[in-house]
Protein backbone atom coordinates (compact mmCIF):
# COMPACT_ATOMS: atom_id res chain seq x y z
CA UNK A 1 34.26 11.39 232.08
CA UNK A 2 33.88 9.84 228.82
CA UNK A 3 37.24 8.15 228.62
CA UNK A 4 38.13 9.52 225.66
CA UNK A 5 34.77 8.98 223.99
CA UNK A 6 35.73 5.25 223.64
CA UNK A 7 32.57 3.69 224.48
CA UNK A 8 29.90 4.78 222.03
CA UNK A 9 26.29 3.73 222.58
CA UNK A 10 24.54 4.75 219.70
CA UNK A 11 23.78 7.40 217.20
CA UNK A 12 20.90 9.62 215.79
CA UNK A 13 20.81 12.63 213.79
CA UNK A 14 21.69 15.11 216.57
CA UNK A 15 25.20 13.34 217.44
CA UNK A 16 26.65 10.27 219.37
CA UNK A 17 26.15 8.83 222.87
CA UNK A 18 28.78 7.57 224.89
CA UNK A 19 28.85 6.16 228.22
CA UNK A 20 30.63 8.12 230.82
CA UNK A 21 31.17 8.50 234.64
CA UNK A 22 30.88 11.15 237.25
CA UNK A 23 33.50 12.15 239.75
CA UNK A 24 31.07 10.48 242.27
CA UNK A 25 31.08 7.18 240.00
CA UNK A 26 27.71 7.40 238.78
CA UNK A 27 27.09 6.48 234.93
CA UNK A 28 25.66 8.79 232.48
CA UNK A 29 24.73 9.17 228.83
CA UNK A 30 26.84 11.69 227.18
CA UNK A 31 25.04 12.85 223.98
CA UNK A 32 27.51 14.94 221.98
CA UNK A 33 25.72 17.21 219.61
CA UNK A 34 26.96 17.77 216.21
CA UNK A 35 29.03 21.12 215.97
CA UNK A 36 26.21 24.28 215.43
CA UNK A 37 26.51 26.32 212.39
CA UNK A 38 27.99 29.61 214.10
CA UNK A 39 25.11 31.87 212.82
CA UNK A 40 24.18 32.84 216.25
CA UNK A 41 20.41 30.96 216.68
CA UNK A 42 21.90 27.37 217.57
CA UNK A 43 22.81 28.61 220.87
CA UNK A 44 19.44 29.87 221.75
CA UNK A 45 17.83 26.76 220.37
CA UNK A 46 19.97 24.54 222.24
CA UNK A 47 18.99 26.48 225.45
CA UNK A 48 15.20 26.21 224.75
CA UNK A 49 15.95 22.61 223.98
CA UNK A 50 17.53 22.04 227.50
CA UNK A 51 14.61 24.01 229.40
CA UNK A 52 12.11 21.73 227.41
CA UNK A 53 13.86 18.30 228.16
CA UNK A 54 14.67 18.99 231.58
CA UNK A 55 11.13 18.66 232.62
CA UNK A 56 10.99 14.95 234.80
CA UNK A 57 8.84 12.33 233.99
CA UNK A 58 8.49 8.77 235.30
CA UNK A 59 8.75 7.63 231.81
CA UNK A 60 11.29 9.65 230.26
CA UNK A 61 15.30 9.47 231.17
CA UNK A 62 16.53 12.24 233.40
CA UNK A 63 18.77 15.20 232.05
CA UNK A 64 21.36 15.71 234.60
CA UNK A 65 23.21 18.44 233.18
CA UNK A 66 24.36 19.73 229.78
CA UNK A 67 27.73 21.58 228.82
CA UNK A 68 27.52 24.56 226.54
CA UNK A 69 30.88 25.90 225.34
CA UNK A 70 30.38 28.25 221.90
CA UNK A 71 29.87 25.41 219.10
CA UNK A 72 30.36 22.60 221.44
CA UNK A 73 27.33 21.01 223.29
CA UNK A 74 26.46 17.99 225.13
CA UNK A 75 23.85 16.87 227.14
CA UNK A 76 23.94 14.76 230.28
CA UNK A 77 21.50 12.06 230.75
CA UNK A 78 20.97 9.30 233.56
CA UNK A 79 22.71 5.95 232.06
CA UNK A 80 19.78 3.13 231.65
CA UNK A 81 21.39 0.02 231.67
CA UNK A 82 19.14 -1.79 229.23
CA UNK A 83 20.05 0.26 226.42
CA UNK A 84 17.53 1.99 224.17
CA UNK A 85 13.74 1.92 223.82
CA UNK A 86 14.46 1.53 220.19
CA UNK A 87 16.35 -2.05 220.58
CA UNK A 88 13.45 -3.48 222.41
CA UNK A 89 10.59 -2.22 219.96
CA UNK A 90 12.85 -3.28 216.79
CA UNK A 91 13.24 -6.60 218.56
CA UNK A 92 9.79 -7.94 217.57
């Protein structure tokens, strides 16, 4: 899906974002979250965040899915070919 995380699109305080492709060929952005602390609260926080960001809005990139396996977490977003909004804002 991510071709061994070779195509990194960006990084933020929560983790790295990589280009990926679903089995049907659709391009996606995969945000791999930093490892959790393992104190039991991160899983609940992550699921609350997934519920919060899964609400769709015309001006917000769609969350297509997520992966939650112990301390490993990832968010799967639709791929935006023009990159991040931050690049356009900072271009001024």
